[in-house]
Structure formats: C-alpha cells, structure tokens
C-alpha cells in the first residue's frame, strides 16, 4: 500500500456507521447493540449460555481479535460490542439472582406448610 492509498484510507476512516452524524447510522448502532443484547438474552433463556461454551468462546475470540485490529473502526466496534455483551450479561445475572431469590422464598413458604 503506497502513501496515497494510506492517506485515502485514513480520510475515510471517520465515515464508518457507528460515529457518523447521519440519522441512518443511529438506527444501525441501535440495531447492532439490540442484536447482541437479544442474542445474550435468548442464549440465557434457552440455556445455551451455560451449555454451549464453544459459542461463547467464538464470540469472545471474534471480539478480542477485532479489538486488537490496527483499524480504529474495528477497535471501536469491538469495544462497543464488548460493553454491550458485558451489560447484557449483567442483566442476565440480575435476572438469575431475582429468580433464585423468588424460588428460595417459595421453598421456605412450602417448608412452613
């Protein structure tokens, strides 16, 4: 890659959908975040989150590899996805904690009967 190609690439880097000011990019960002949020939630509800370690490993590998890219848009996207996945996992942990507490209360109520 010569200097003119590199210069052209650097000029276009700011135009990727997650940071551009266009209204259509907001929908893309919301869709991307919503997809990964829903993916983690569906994996939790189906039990895949705990049973299929290869799937989580592949997602982790993809995000980790992308986060160390030399391209800023890839690193930015990987950071956004890592934060989205982490937030979704926190939501899953909160749901699991609430369910466990509810079941514990039900168990204690049944023991008293």
PDB file of N, CA and C in Angstrom:
ATOM      1  N   UNK A   1       0.856  -1.170   0.000  1.00  0.00           N
ATOM      2  CA  UNK A   1       0.000   0.000   0.000  1.00  0.00           C
ATOM      3  C   UNK A   1       0.903   1.234   0.000  1.00  0.00           C
ATOM      4  N   UNK A   2       0.699   2.106  -0.981  1.00  0.00           N
ATOM      5  CA  UNK A   2       1.520   3.301  -1.043  1.00  0.00           C
ATOM      6  C   UNK A   2       0.914   4.426  -0.193  1.00  0.00           C
ATOM      7  N   UNK A   3       1.614   5.534  -0.113  1.00  0.00           N
ATOM      8  CA  UNK A   3       1.211   6.636   0.771  1.00  0.00           C
ATOM      9  C   UNK A   3      -0.122   7.248   0.375  1.00  0.00           C
ATOM     10  N   UNK A   4      -0.408   7.345  -0.912  1.00  0.00           N
ATOM     11  CA  UNK A   4      -1.675   7.952  -1.341  1.00  0.00           C
ATOM     12  C   UNK A   4      -2.863   7.061  -0.956  1.00  0.00           C
ATOM     13  N   UNK A   5      -2.695   5.742  -1.065  1.00  0.00           N
ATOM     14  CA  UNK A   5      -3.760   4.823  -0.649  1.00  0.00           C
ATOM     15  C   UNK A   5      -3.975   4.896   0.862  1.00  0.00           C
ATOM     16  N   UNK A   6      -2.903   4.963   1.605  1.00  0.00           N
ATOM     17  CA  UNK A   6      -2.985   5.066   3.058  1.00  0.00           C
ATOM     18  C   UNK A   6      -3.670   6.364   3.464  1.00  0.00           C
ATOM     19  N   UNK A   7      -3.316   7.463   2.808  1.00  0.00           N
ATOM     20  CA  UNK A   7      -3.930   8.758   3.094  1.00  0.00           C
ATOM     21  C   UNK A   7      -5.436   8.706   2.803  1.00  0.00           C
ATOM     22  N   UNK A   8      -5.817   8.086   1.678  1.00  0.00           N
ATOM     23  CA  UNK A   8      -7.227   7.957   1.319  1.00  0.00           C
ATOM     24  C   UNK A   8      -7.959   7.102   2.353  1.00  0.00           C
ATOM     25  N   UNK A   9      -7.357   6.031   2.793  1.00  0.00           N
ATOM     26  CA  UNK A   9      -7.960   5.169   3.800  1.00  0.00           C
ATOM     27  C   UNK A   9      -8.146   5.924   5.110  1.00  0.00           C
ATOM     28  N   UNK A  10      -7.152   6.696   5.528  1.00  0.00           N
ATOM     29  CA  UNK A  10      -7.258   7.459   6.761  1.00  0.00           C
ATOM     30  C   UNK A  10      -8.341   8.525   6.676  1.00  0.00           C
ATOM     31  N   UNK A  11      -8.550   9.106   5.518  1.00  0.00           N
ATOM     32  CA  UNK A  11      -9.601  10.104   5.358  1.00  0.00           C
ATOM     33  C   UNK A  11     -10.980   9.477   5.455  1.00  0.00           C
ATOM     34  N   UNK A  12     -11.150   8.250   4.997  1.00  0.00           N
ATOM     35  CA  UNK A  12     -12.450   7.585   5.012  1.00  0.00           C
ATOM     36  C   UNK A  12     -12.757   6.899   6.335  1.00  0.00           C
ATOM     37  N   UNK A  13     -11.788   6.801   7.218  1.00  0.00           N
ATOM     38  CA  UNK A  13     -11.988   6.102   8.483  1.00  0.00           C
ATOM     39  C   UNK A  13     -13.065   6.763   9.334  1.00  0.00           C
ATOM     40  N   UNK A  14     -13.205   8.045   9.263  1.00  0.00           N
ATOM     41  CA  UNK A  14     -14.188   8.731  10.107  1.00  0.00           C
ATOM     42  C   UNK A  14     -15.613   8.539   9.616  1.00  0.00           C
ATOM     43  N   UNK A  15     -15.807   7.902   8.483  1.00  0.00           N
ATOM     44  CA  UNK A  15     -17.127   7.748   7.903  1.00  0.00           C
ATOM     45  C   UNK A  15     -17.810   6.430   8.252  1.00  0.00           C
ATOM     46  N   UNK A  16     -17.286   5.662   9.166  1.00  0.00           N
ATOM     47  CA  UNK A  16     -17.930   4.384   9.448  1.00  0.00           C
ATOM     48  C   UNK A  16     -19.209   4.606  10.261  1.00  0.00           C
ATOM     49  N   UNK A  17     -20.172   3.705  10.145  1.00  0.00           N
ATOM     50  CA  UNK A  17     -21.541   3.963  10.619  1.00  0.00           C
ATOM     51  C   UNK A  17     -21.712   4.235  12.112  1.00  0.00           C
ATOM     52  N   UNK A  18     -20.813   3.789  12.940  1.00  0.00           N
ATOM     53  CA  UNK A  18     -21.022   3.977  14.377  1.00  0.00           C
ATOM     54  C   UNK A  18     -20.708   5.379  14.864  1.00  0.00           C
ATOM     55  N   UNK A  19     -19.966   6.165  14.083  1.00  0.00           N
ATOM     56  CA  UNK A  19     -19.610   7.509  14.527  1.00  0.00           C
ATOM     57  C   UNK A  19     -20.083   8.621  13.607  1.00  0.00           C
ATOM     58  N   UNK A  20     -20.593   8.268  12.459  1.00  0.00           N
ATOM     59  CA  UNK A  20     -21.040   9.311  11.548  1.00  0.00           C
ATOM     60  C   UNK A  20     -22.296   9.995  12.103  1.00  0.00           C
ATOM     61  N   UNK A  21     -22.530  11.211  11.682  1.00  0.00           N
ATOM     62  CA  UNK A  21     -23.643  12.004  12.209  1.00  0.00           C
ATOM     63  C   UNK A  21     -24.963  11.758  11.472  1.00  0.00           C
ATOM     64  N   UNK A  22     -24.952  10.948  10.437  1.00  0.00           N
ATOM     65  CA  UNK A  22     -26.164  10.698   9.659  1.00  0.00           C
ATOM     66  C   UNK A  22     -27.217   9.988  10.516  1.00  0.00           C
ATOM     67  N   UNK A  23     -28.475  10.315  10.263  1.00  0.00           N
ATOM     68  CA  UNK A  23     -29.560   9.714  11.034  1.00  0.00           C
ATOM     69  C   UNK A  23     -29.652   8.209  10.837  1.00  0.00           C
ATOM     70  N   UNK A  24     -29.332   7.746   9.651  1.00  0.00           N
ATOM     71  CA  UNK A  24     -29.399   6.306   9.387  1.00  0.00           C
ATOM     72  C   UNK A  24     -28.388   5.531  10.226  1.00  0.00           C
ATOM     73  N   UNK A  25     -27.294   6.168  10.609  1.00  0.00           N
ATOM     74  CA  UNK A  25     -26.284   5.478  11.413  1.00  0.00           C
ATOM     75  C   UNK A  25     -26.773   5.219  12.830  1.00  0.00           C
ATOM     76  N   UNK A  26     -27.669   6.064  13.342  1.00  0.00           N
ATOM     77  CA  UNK A  26     -28.210   5.834  14.681  1.00  0.00           C
ATOM     78  C   UNK A  26     -29.026   4.552  14.704  1.00  0.00           C
ATOM     79  N   UNK A  27     -29.771   4.315  13.639  1.00  0.00           N
ATOM     80  CA  UNK A  27     -30.556   3.085  13.542  1.00  0.00           C
ATOM     81  C   UNK A  27     -29.633   1.870  13.460  1.00  0.00           C
ATOM     82  N   UNK A  28     -28.523   2.006  12.737  1.00  0.00           N
ATOM     83  CA  UNK A  28     -27.572   0.903  12.633  1.00  0.00           C
ATOM     84  C   UNK A  28     -26.978   0.579  13.995  1.00  0.00           C
ATOM     85  N   UNK A  29     -26.562   1.602  14.717  1.00  0.00           N
ATOM     86  CA  UNK A  29     -25.968   1.395  16.041  1.00  0.00           C
ATOM     87  C   UNK A  29     -26.976   0.734  16.980  1.00  0.00           C
ATOM     88  N   UNK A  30     -28.209   1.232  16.969  1.00  0.00           N
ATOM     89  CA  UNK A  30     -29.249   0.656  17.827  1.00  0.00           C
ATOM     90  C   UNK A  30     -29.526  -0.793  17.446  1.00  0.00           C
ATOM     91  N   UNK A  31     -29.521  -1.087  16.160  1.00  0.00           N
ATOM     92  CA  UNK A  31     -29.745  -2.465  15.707  1.00  0.00           C
ATOM     93  C   UNK A  31     -28.602  -3.381  16.118  1.00  0.00           C
ATOM     94  N   UNK A  32     -27.383  -2.890  15.982  1.00  0.00           N
ATOM     95  CA  UNK A  32     -26.212  -3.692  16.351  1.00  0.00           C
ATOM     96  C   UNK A  32     -26.213  -4.000  17.846  1.00  0.00           C
ATOM     97  N   UNK A  33     -26.439  -2.975  18.653  1.00  0.00           N
ATOM     98  CA  UNK A  33     -26.483  -3.164  20.104  1.00  0.00           C
ATOM     99  C   UNK A  33     -27.665  -4.062  20.486  1.00  0.00           C
ATOM    100  N   UNK A  34     -28.817  -3.807  19.879  1.00  0.00           N
ATOM    101  CA  UNK A  34     -30.007  -4.616  20.168  1.00  0.00           C
ATOM    102  C   UNK A  34     -29.829  -6.069  19.800  1.00  0.00           C
ATOM    103  N   UNK A  35     -29.125  -6.327  18.689  1.00  0.00           N
ATOM    104  CA  UNK A  35     -28.890  -7.706  18.278  1.00  0.00           C
ATOM    105  C   UNK A  35     -28.090  -8.466  19.327  1.00  0.00           C
ATOM    106  N   UNK A  36     -26.980  -7.889  19.757  1.00  0.00           N
ATOM    107  CA  UNK A  36     -26.138  -8.596  20.726  1.00  0.00           C
ATOM    108  C   UNK A  36     -26.796  -8.678  22.099  1.00  0.00           C
ATOM    109  N   UNK A  37     -27.570  -7.670  22.464  1.00  0.00           N
ATOM    110  CA  UNK A  37     -28.315  -7.715  23.717  1.00  0.00           C
ATOM    111  C   UNK A  37     -29.344  -8.846  23.668  1.00  0.00           C
ATOM    112  N   UNK A  38     -30.064  -8.938  22.565  1.00  0.00           N
ATOM    113  CA  UNK A  38     -31.057 -10.002  22.394  1.00  0.00           C
ATOM    114  C   UNK A  38     -30.404 -11.373  22.296  1.00  0.00           C
ATOM    115  N   UNK A  39     -29.262 -11.437  21.631  1.00  0.00           N
ATOM    116  CA  UNK A  39     -28.547 -12.708  21.496  1.00  0.00           C
ATOM    117  C   UNK A  39     -28.199 -13.282  22.866  1.00  0.00           C
ATOM    118  N   UNK A  40     -27.640 -12.458  23.729  1.00  0.00           N
ATOM    119  CA  UNK A  40     -27.270 -12.933  25.067  1.00  0.00           C
ATOM    120  C   UNK A  40     -28.521 -13.326  25.856  1.00  0.00           C
ATOM    121  N   UNK A  41     -29.589 -12.535  25.755  1.00  0.00           N
ATOM    122  CA  UNK A  41     -30.829 -12.849  26.470  1.00  0.00           C
ATOM    123  C   UNK A  41     -31.435 -14.168  25.991  1.00  0.00           C
ATOM    124  N   UNK A  42     -31.481 -14.377  24.685  1.00  0.00           N
ATOM    125  CA  UNK A  42     -32.025 -15.625  24.136  1.00  0.00           C
ATOM    126  C   UNK A  42     -31.138 -16.813  24.525  1.00  0.00           C
ATOM    127  N   UNK A  43     -29.829 -16.608  24.506  1.00  0.00           N
ATOM    128  CA  UNK A  43     -28.930 -17.686  24.921  1.00  0.00           C
ATOM    129  C   UNK A  43     -29.150 -18.048  26.382  1.00  0.00           C
ATOM    130  N   UNK A  44     -29.432 -17.058  27.225  1.00  0.00           N
ATOM    131  CA  UNK A  44     -29.713 -17.320  28.643  1.00  0.00           C
ATOM    132  C   UNK A  44     -31.024 -18.081  28.795  1.00  0.00           C
ATOM    133  N   UNK A  45     -32.065 -17.599  28.121  1.00  0.00           N
ATOM    134  CA  UNK A  45     -33.381 -18.219  28.260  1.00  0.00           C
ATOM    135  C   UNK A  45     -33.409 -19.651  27.729  1.00  0.00           C
ATOM    136  N   UNK A  46     -32.613 -19.928  26.705  1.00  0.00           N
ATOM    137  CA  UNK A  46     -32.595 -21.278  26.134  1.00  0.00           C
ATOM    138  C   UNK A  46     -31.608 -22.203  26.844  1.00  0.00           C
ATOM    139  N   UNK A  47     -30.767 -21.652  27.710  1.00  0.00           N
ATOM    140  CA  UNK A  47     -29.762 -22.460  28.398  1.00  0.00           C
ATOM    141  C   UNK A  47     -28.462 -22.588  27.630  1.00  0.00           C
ATOM    142  N   UNK A  48     -28.431 -22.075  26.420  1.00  0.00           N
ATOM    143  CA  UNK A  48     -27.231 -22.163  25.582  1.00  0.00           C
ATOM    144  C   UNK A  48     -26.067 -21.396  26.194  1.00  0.00           C
ATOM    145  N   UNK A  49     -26.369 -20.338  26.919  1.00  0.00           N
ATOM    146  CA  UNK A  49     -25.329 -19.509  27.510  1.00  0.00           C
ATOM    147  C   UNK A  49     -24.430 -20.330  28.434  1.00  0.00           C
ATOM    148  N   UNK A  50     -25.008 -21.300  29.116  1.00  0.00           N
ATOM    149  CA  UNK A  50     -24.245 -22.102  30.075  1.00  0.00           C
ATOM    150  C   UNK A  50     -23.798 -23.438  29.508  1.00  0.00           C
ATOM    151  N   UNK A  51     -24.471 -23.914  28.459  1.00  0.00           N
ATOM    152  CA  UNK A  51     -24.185 -25.247  27.936  1.00  0.00           C
ATOM    153  C   UNK A  51     -23.237 -25.248  26.741  1.00  0.00           C
ATOM    154  N   UNK A  52     -23.314 -24.232  25.890  1.00  0.00           N
ATOM    155  CA  UNK A  52     -22.513 -24.204  24.665  1.00  0.00           C
ATOM    156  C   UNK A  52     -21.322 -23.261  24.838  1.00  0.00           C
ATOM    157  N   UNK A  53     -20.271 -23.778  25.417  1.00  0.00           N
ATOM    158  CA  UNK A  53     -19.094 -22.959  25.679  1.00  0.00           C
ATOM    159  C   UNK A  53     -18.375 -22.572  24.393  1.00  0.00           C
ATOM    160  N   UNK A  54     -18.520 -23.382  23.350  1.00  0.00           N
ATOM    161  CA  UNK A  54     -17.858 -23.076  22.084  1.00  0.00           C
ATOM    162  C   UNK A  54     -18.431 -21.803  21.463  1.00  0.00           C
ATOM    163  N   UNK A  55     -19.733 -21.605  21.572  1.00  0.00           N
ATOM    164  CA  UNK A  55     -20.345 -20.405  21.008  1.00  0.00           C
ATOM    165  C   UNK A  55     -19.842 -19.147  21.714  1.00  0.00           C
ATOM    166  N   UNK A  56     -19.853 -19.169  23.041  1.00  0.00           N
ATOM    167  CA  UNK A  56     -19.327 -18.025  23.792  1.00  0.00           C
ATOM    168  C   UNK A  56     -17.849 -17.831  23.492  1.00  0.00           C
ATOM    169  N   UNK A  57     -17.110 -18.921  23.372  1.00  0.00           N
ATOM    170  CA  UNK A  57     -15.691 -18.838  23.034  1.00  0.00           C
ATOM    171  C   UNK A  57     -15.462 -18.196  21.673  1.00  0.00           C
ATOM    172  N   UNK A  58     -16.309 -18.535  20.705  1.00  0.00           N
ATOM    173  CA  UNK A  58     -16.187 -17.936  19.371  1.00  0.00           C
ATOM    174  C   UNK A  58     -16.500 -16.448  19.392  1.00  0.00           C
ATOM    175  N   UNK A  59     -17.535 -16.067  20.116  1.00  0.00           N
ATOM    176  CA  UNK A  59     -17.873 -14.645  20.232  1.00  0.00           C
ATOM    177  C   UNK A  59     -16.718 -13.898  20.905  1.00  0.00           C
ATOM    178  N   UNK A  60     -16.197 -14.471  21.983  1.00  0.00           N
ATOM    179  CA  UNK A  60     -15.072 -13.857  22.695  1.00  0.00           C
ATOM    180  C   UNK A  60     -13.864 -13.722  21.781  1.00  0.00           C
ATOM    181  N   UNK A  61     -13.558 -14.776  21.056  1.00  0.00           N
ATOM    182  CA  UNK A  61     -12.401 -14.755  20.160  1.00  0.00           C
ATOM    183  C   UNK A  61     -12.576 -13.684  19.088  1.00  0.00           C
ATOM    184  N   UNK A  62     -13.774 -13.588  18.526  1.00  0.00           N
ATOM    185  CA  UNK A  62     -14.036 -12.604  17.472  1.00  0.00           C
ATOM    186  C   UNK A  62     -13.889 -11.178  18.017  1.00  0.00           C
ATOM    187  N   UNK A  63     -14.478 -10.902  19.173  1.00  0.00           N
ATOM    188  CA  UNK A  63     -14.406  -9.555  19.749  1.00  0.00           C
ATOM    189  C   UNK A  63     -12.964  -9.230  20.160  1.00  0.00           C
ATOM    190  N   UNK A  64     -12.284 -10.192  20.760  1.00  0.00           N
ATOM    191  CA  UNK A  64     -10.900  -9.953  21.192  1.00  0.00           C
ATOM    192  C   UNK A  64      -9.983  -9.703  20.000  1.00  0.00           C
ATOM    193  N   UNK A  65     -10.142 -10.471  18.951  1.00  0.00           N
ATOM    194  CA  UNK A  65      -9.318 -10.285  17.764  1.00  0.00           C
ATOM    195  C   UNK A  65      -9.598  -8.944  17.109  1.00  0.00           C
ATOM    196  N   UNK A  66     -10.872  -8.599  17.010  1.00  0.00           N
ATOM    197  CA  UNK A  66     -11.249  -7.332  16.391  1.00  0.00           C
ATOM    198  C   UNK A  66     -10.766  -6.152  17.219  1.00  0.00           C
ATOM    199  N   UNK A  67     -10.744  -6.306  18.529  1.00  0.00           N
ATOM    200  CA  UNK A  67     -10.333  -5.194  19.391  1.00  0.00           C
ATOM    201  C   UNK A  67      -8.848  -4.876  19.282  1.00  0.00           C
ATOM    202  N   UNK A  68      -8.070  -5.794  18.760  1.00  0.00           N
ATOM    203  CA  UNK A  68      -6.636  -5.535  18.612  1.00  0.00           C
ATOM    204  C   UNK A  68      -6.260  -5.217  17.162  1.00  0.00           C
ATOM    205  N   UNK A  69      -7.247  -4.896  16.355  1.00  0.00           N
ATOM    206  CA  UNK A  69      -7.009  -4.547  14.955  1.00  0.00           C
ATOM    207  C   UNK A  69      -6.241  -3.229  14.856  1.00  0.00           C
ATOM    208  N   UNK A  70      -5.577  -3.050  13.754  1.00  0.00           N
ATOM    209  CA  UNK A  70      -4.894  -1.777  13.517  1.00  0.00           C
ATOM    210  C   UNK A  70      -5.865  -0.719  13.011  1.00  0.00           C
ATOM    211  N   UNK A  71      -7.059  -1.113  12.660  1.00  0.00           N
ATOM    212  CA  UNK A  71      -8.069  -0.192  12.146  1.00  0.00           C
ATOM    213  C   UNK A  71      -8.937   0.336  13.293  1.00  0.00           C
ATOM    214  N   UNK A  72      -8.997   1.638  13.441  1.00  0.00           N
ATOM    215  CA  UNK A  72      -9.773   2.253  14.512  1.00  0.00           C
ATOM    216  C   UNK A  72     -11.259   1.869  14.467  1.00  0.00           C
ATOM    217  N   UNK A  73     -11.913   1.846  13.309  1.00  0.00           N
ATOM    218  CA  UNK A  73     -13.330   1.460  13.291  1.00  0.00           C
ATOM    219  C   UNK A  73     -13.578   0.059  13.846  1.00  0.00           C
ATOM    220  N   UNK A  74     -12.685  -0.878  13.548  1.00  0.00           N
ATOM    221  CA  UNK A  74     -12.844  -2.223  14.094  1.00  0.00           C
ATOM    222  C   UNK A  74     -12.669  -2.223  15.605  1.00  0.00           C
ATOM    223  N   UNK A  75     -11.664  -1.511  16.097  1.00  0.00           N
ATOM    224  CA  UNK A  75     -11.446  -1.439  17.548  1.00  0.00           C
ATOM    225  C   UNK A  75     -12.636  -0.786  18.241  1.00  0.00           C
ATOM    226  N   UNK A  76     -13.150   0.275  17.657  1.00  0.00           N
ATOM    227  CA  UNK A  76     -14.297   0.973  18.235  1.00  0.00           C
ATOM    228  C   UNK A  76     -15.517   0.054  18.272  1.00  0.00           C
ATOM    229  N   UNK A  77     -15.765  -0.643  17.182  1.00  0.00           N
ATOM    230  CA  UNK A  77     -16.898  -1.567  17.117  1.00  0.00           C
ATOM    231  C   UNK A  77     -16.734  -2.688  18.138  1.00  0.00           C
ATOM    232  N   UNK A  78     -15.540  -3.217  18.259  1.00  0.00           N
ATOM    233  CA  UNK A  78     -15.287  -4.286  19.228  1.00  0.00           C
ATOM    234  C   UNK A  78     -15.509  -3.797  20.657  1.00  0.00           C
ATOM    235  N   UNK A  79     -15.108  -2.572  20.939  1.00  0.00           N
ATOM    236  CA  UNK A  79     -15.312  -2.003  22.270  1.00  0.00           C
ATOM    237  C   UNK A  79     -16.797  -1.846  22.559  1.00  0.00           C
ATOM    238  N   UNK A  80     -17.539  -1.336  21.586  1.00  0.00           N
ATOM    239  CA  UNK A  80     -18.983  -1.196  21.751  1.00  0.00           C
ATOM    240  C   UNK A  80     -19.633  -2.552  22.002  1.00  0.00           C
ATOM    241  N   UNK A  81     -19.231  -3.568  21.244  1.00  0.00           N
ATOM    242  CA  UNK A  81     -19.820  -4.892  21.416  1.00  0.00           C
ATOM    243  C   UNK A  81     -19.421  -5.519  22.745  1.00  0.00           C
ATOM    244  N   UNK A  82     -18.189  -5.315  23.158  1.00  0.00           N
ATOM    245  CA  UNK A  82     -17.756  -5.854  24.449  1.00  0.00           C
ATOM    246  C   UNK A  82     -18.557  -5.233  25.586  1.00  0.00           C
ATOM    247  N   UNK A  83     -18.779  -3.937  25.521  1.00  0.00           N
ATOM    248  CA  UNK A  83     -19.586  -3.276  26.557  1.00  0.00           C
ATOM    249  C   UNK A  83     -21.039  -3.720  26.502  1.00  0.00           C
ATOM    250  N   UNK A  84     -21.567  -3.902  25.300  1.00  0.00           N
ATOM    251  CA  UNK A  84     -22.948  -4.374  25.142  1.00  0.00           C
ATOM    252  C   UNK A  84     -23.103  -5.777  25.706  1.00  0.00           C
ATOM    253  N   UNK A  85     -22.172  -6.655  25.380  1.00  0.00           N
ATOM    254  CA  UNK A  85     -22.234  -8.034  25.871  1.00  0.00           C
ATOM    255  C   UNK A  85     -22.088  -8.065  27.389  1.00  0.00           C
ATOM    256  N   UNK A  86     -21.182  -7.259  27.923  1.00  0.00           N
ATOM    257  CA  UNK A  86     -20.996  -7.197  29.375  1.00  0.00           C
ATOM    258  C   UNK A  86     -22.260  -6.705  30.071  1.00  0.00           C
ATOM    259  N   UNK A  87     -22.884  -5.679  29.520  1.00  0.00           N
ATOM    260  CA  UNK A  87     -24.134  -5.168  30.089  1.00  0.00           C
ATOM    261  C   UNK A  87     -25.235  -6.215  30.019  1.00  0.00           C
ATOM    262  N   UNK A  88     -25.311  -6.927  28.895  1.00  0.00           N
ATOM    263  CA  UNK A  88     -26.323  -7.979  28.749  1.00  0.00           C
ATOM    264  C   UNK A  88     -26.081  -9.103  29.751  1.00  0.00           C
ATOM    265  N   UNK A  89     -24.815  -9.442  29.982  1.00  0.00           N
ATOM    266  CA  UNK A  89     -24.501 -10.480  30.972  1.00  0.00           C
ATOM    267  C   UNK A  89     -24.843 -10.015  32.392  1.00  0.00           C
ATOM    268  N   UNK A  90     -24.676  -8.729  32.667  1.00  0.00           N
ATOM    269  CA  UNK A  90     -25.088  -8.181  33.963  1.00  0.00           C
ATOM    270  C   UNK A  90     -26.603  -8.276  34.128  1.00  0.00           C
ATOM    271  N   UNK A  91     -27.343  -7.989  33.060  1.00  0.00           N
ATOM    272  CA  UNK A  91     -28.800  -8.130  33.103  1.00  0.00           C
ATOM    273  C   UNK A  91     -29.198  -9.581  33.350  1.00  0.00           C
ATOM    274  N   UNK A  92     -28.506 -10.510  32.707  1.00  0.00           N
ATOM    275  CA  UNK A  92     -28.771 -11.935  32.900  1.00  0.00           C
ATOM    276  C   UNK A  92     -28.493 -12.328  34.348  1.00  0.00           C
ATOM    277  N   UNK A  93     -27.380 -11.855  34.902  1.00  0.00           N
ATOM    278  CA  UNK A  93     -27.049 -12.168  36.300  1.00  0.00           C
ATOM    279  C   UNK A  93     -28.104 -11.608  37.241  1.00  0.00           C
ATOM    280  N   UNK A  94     -28.602 -10.418  36.936  1.00  0.00           N
ATOM    281  CA  UNK A  94     -29.657  -9.815  37.760  1.00  0.00           C
ATOM    282  C   UNK A  94     -30.930 -10.660  37.707  1.00  0.00           C
ATOM    283  N   UNK A  95     -31.311 -11.098  36.511  1.00  0.00           N
ATOM    284  CA  UNK A  95     -32.497 -11.948  36.362  1.00  0.00           C
ATOM    285  C   UNK A  95     -32.325 -13.264  37.111  1.00  0.00           C
ATOM    286  N   UNK A  96     -31.149 -13.861  36.970  1.00  0.00           N
ATOM    287  CA  UNK A  96     -30.885 -15.138  37.635  1.00  0.00           C
ATOM    288  C   UNK A  96     -30.934 -14.977  39.156  1.00  0.00           C
ATOM    289  N   UNK A  97     -30.405 -13.890  39.674  1.00  0.00           N
ATOM    290  CA  UNK A  97     -30.433 -13.625  41.109  1.00  0.00           C
ATOM    291  C   UNK A  97     -31.864 -13.435  41.602  1.00  0.00           C
ATOM    292  N   UNK A  98     -32.659 -12.679  40.837  1.00  0.00           N
ATOM    293  CA  UNK A  98     -34.060 -12.481  41.212  1.00  0.00           C
ATOM    294  C   UNK A  98     -34.828 -13.795  41.199  1.00  0.00           C
ATOM    295  N   UNK A  99     -34.588 -14.626  40.174  1.00  0.00           N
ATOM    296  CA  UNK A  99     -35.264 -15.925  40.098  1.00  0.00           C
ATOM    297  C   UNK A  99     -34.865 -16.824  41.258  1.00  0.00           C
ATOM    298  N   UNK A 100     -33.589 -16.840  41.591  1.00  0.00           N
ATOM    299  CA  UNK A 100     -33.127 -17.674  42.701  1.00  0.00           C
ATOM    300  C   UNK A 100     -33.732 -17.208  44.018  1.00  0.00           C
ATOM    301  N   UNK A 101     -33.816 -15.911  44.224  1.00  0.00           N
ATOM    302  CA  UNK A 101     -34.420 -15.384  45.448  1.00  0.00           C
ATOM    303  C   UNK A 101     -35.906 -15.737  45.512  1.00  0.00           C
ATOM    304  N   UNK A 102     -36.589 -15.640  44.383  1.00  0.00           N
ATOM    305  CA  UNK A 102     -38.017 -15.978  44.341  1.00  0.00           C
ATOM    306  C   UNK A 102     -38.230 -17.451  44.655  1.00  0.00           C
ATOM    307  N   UNK A 103     -37.410 -18.314  44.058  1.00  0.00           N
ATOM    308  CA  UNK A 103     -37.539 -19.748  44.322  1.00  0.00           C
ATOM    309  C   UNK A 103     -37.199 -20.082  45.771  1.00  0.00           C
ATOM    310  N   UNK A 104     -36.242 -19.382  46.337  1.00  0.00           N
ATOM    311  CA  UNK A 104     -35.885 -19.603  47.733  1.00  0.00           C
ATOM    312  C   UNK A 104     -37.045 -19.223  48.649  1.00  0.00           C
ATOM    313  N   UNK A 105     -37.699 -18.093  48.366  1.00  0.00           N
ATOM    314  CA  UNK A 105     -38.865 -17.687  49.162  1.00  0.00           C
ATOM    315  C   UNK A 105     -39.991 -18.702  49.026  1.00  0.00           C
ATOM    316  N   UNK A 106     -40.214 -19.214  47.824  1.00  0.00           N
ATOM    317  CA  UNK A 106     -41.259 -20.211  47.620  1.00  0.00           C
ATOM    318  C   UNK A 106     -40.939 -21.493  48.374  1.00  0.00           C
ATOM    319  N   UNK A 107     -39.666 -21.886  48.352  1.00  0.00           N
ATOM    320  CA  UNK A 107     -39.243 -23.091  49.062  1.00  0.00           C
ATOM    321  C   UNK A 107     -39.459 -22.935  50.560  1.00  0.00           C
ATOM    322  N   UNK A 108     -39.082 -21.794  51.099  1.00  0.00           N
ATOM    323  CA  UNK A 108     -39.270 -21.546  52.529  1.00  0.00           C
ATOM    324  C   UNK A 108     -40.751 -21.509  52.890  1.00  0.00           C
ATOM    325  N   UNK A 109     -41.568 -20.954  51.996  1.00  0.00           N
ATOM    326  CA  UNK A 109     -43.020 -20.941  52.235  1.00  0.00           C
ATOM    327  C   UNK A 109     -43.609 -22.333  52.241  1.00  0.00           C
ATOM    328  N   UNK A 110     -43.118 -23.186  51.376  1.00  0.00           N
ATOM    329  CA  UNK A 110     -43.609 -24.575  51.331  1.00  0.00           C
ATOM    330  C   UNK A 110     -43.129 -25.358  52.546  1.00  0.00           C
ATOM    331  N   UNK A 111     -41.939 -25.071  53.039  1.00  0.00           N
ATOM    332  CA  UNK A 111     -41.429 -25.772  54.216  1.00  0.00           C
ATOM    333  C   UNK A 111     -42.245 -25.443  55.457  1.00  0.00           C
ATOM    334  N   UNK A 112     -42.780 -24.230  55.528  1.00  0.00           N
ATOM    335  CA  UNK A 112     -43.579 -23.826  56.678  1.00  0.00           C
ATOM    336  C   UNK A 112     -44.932 -24.515  56.693  1.00  0.00           C
ATOM    337  N   UNK A 113     -45.423 -24.963  55.569  1.00  0.00           N
ATOM    338  CA  UNK A 113     -46.736 -25.604  55.499  1.00  0.00           C
ATOM    339  C   UNK A 113     -46.750 -26.976  56.052  1.00  0.00           C
TER     340      UNK A 113
END
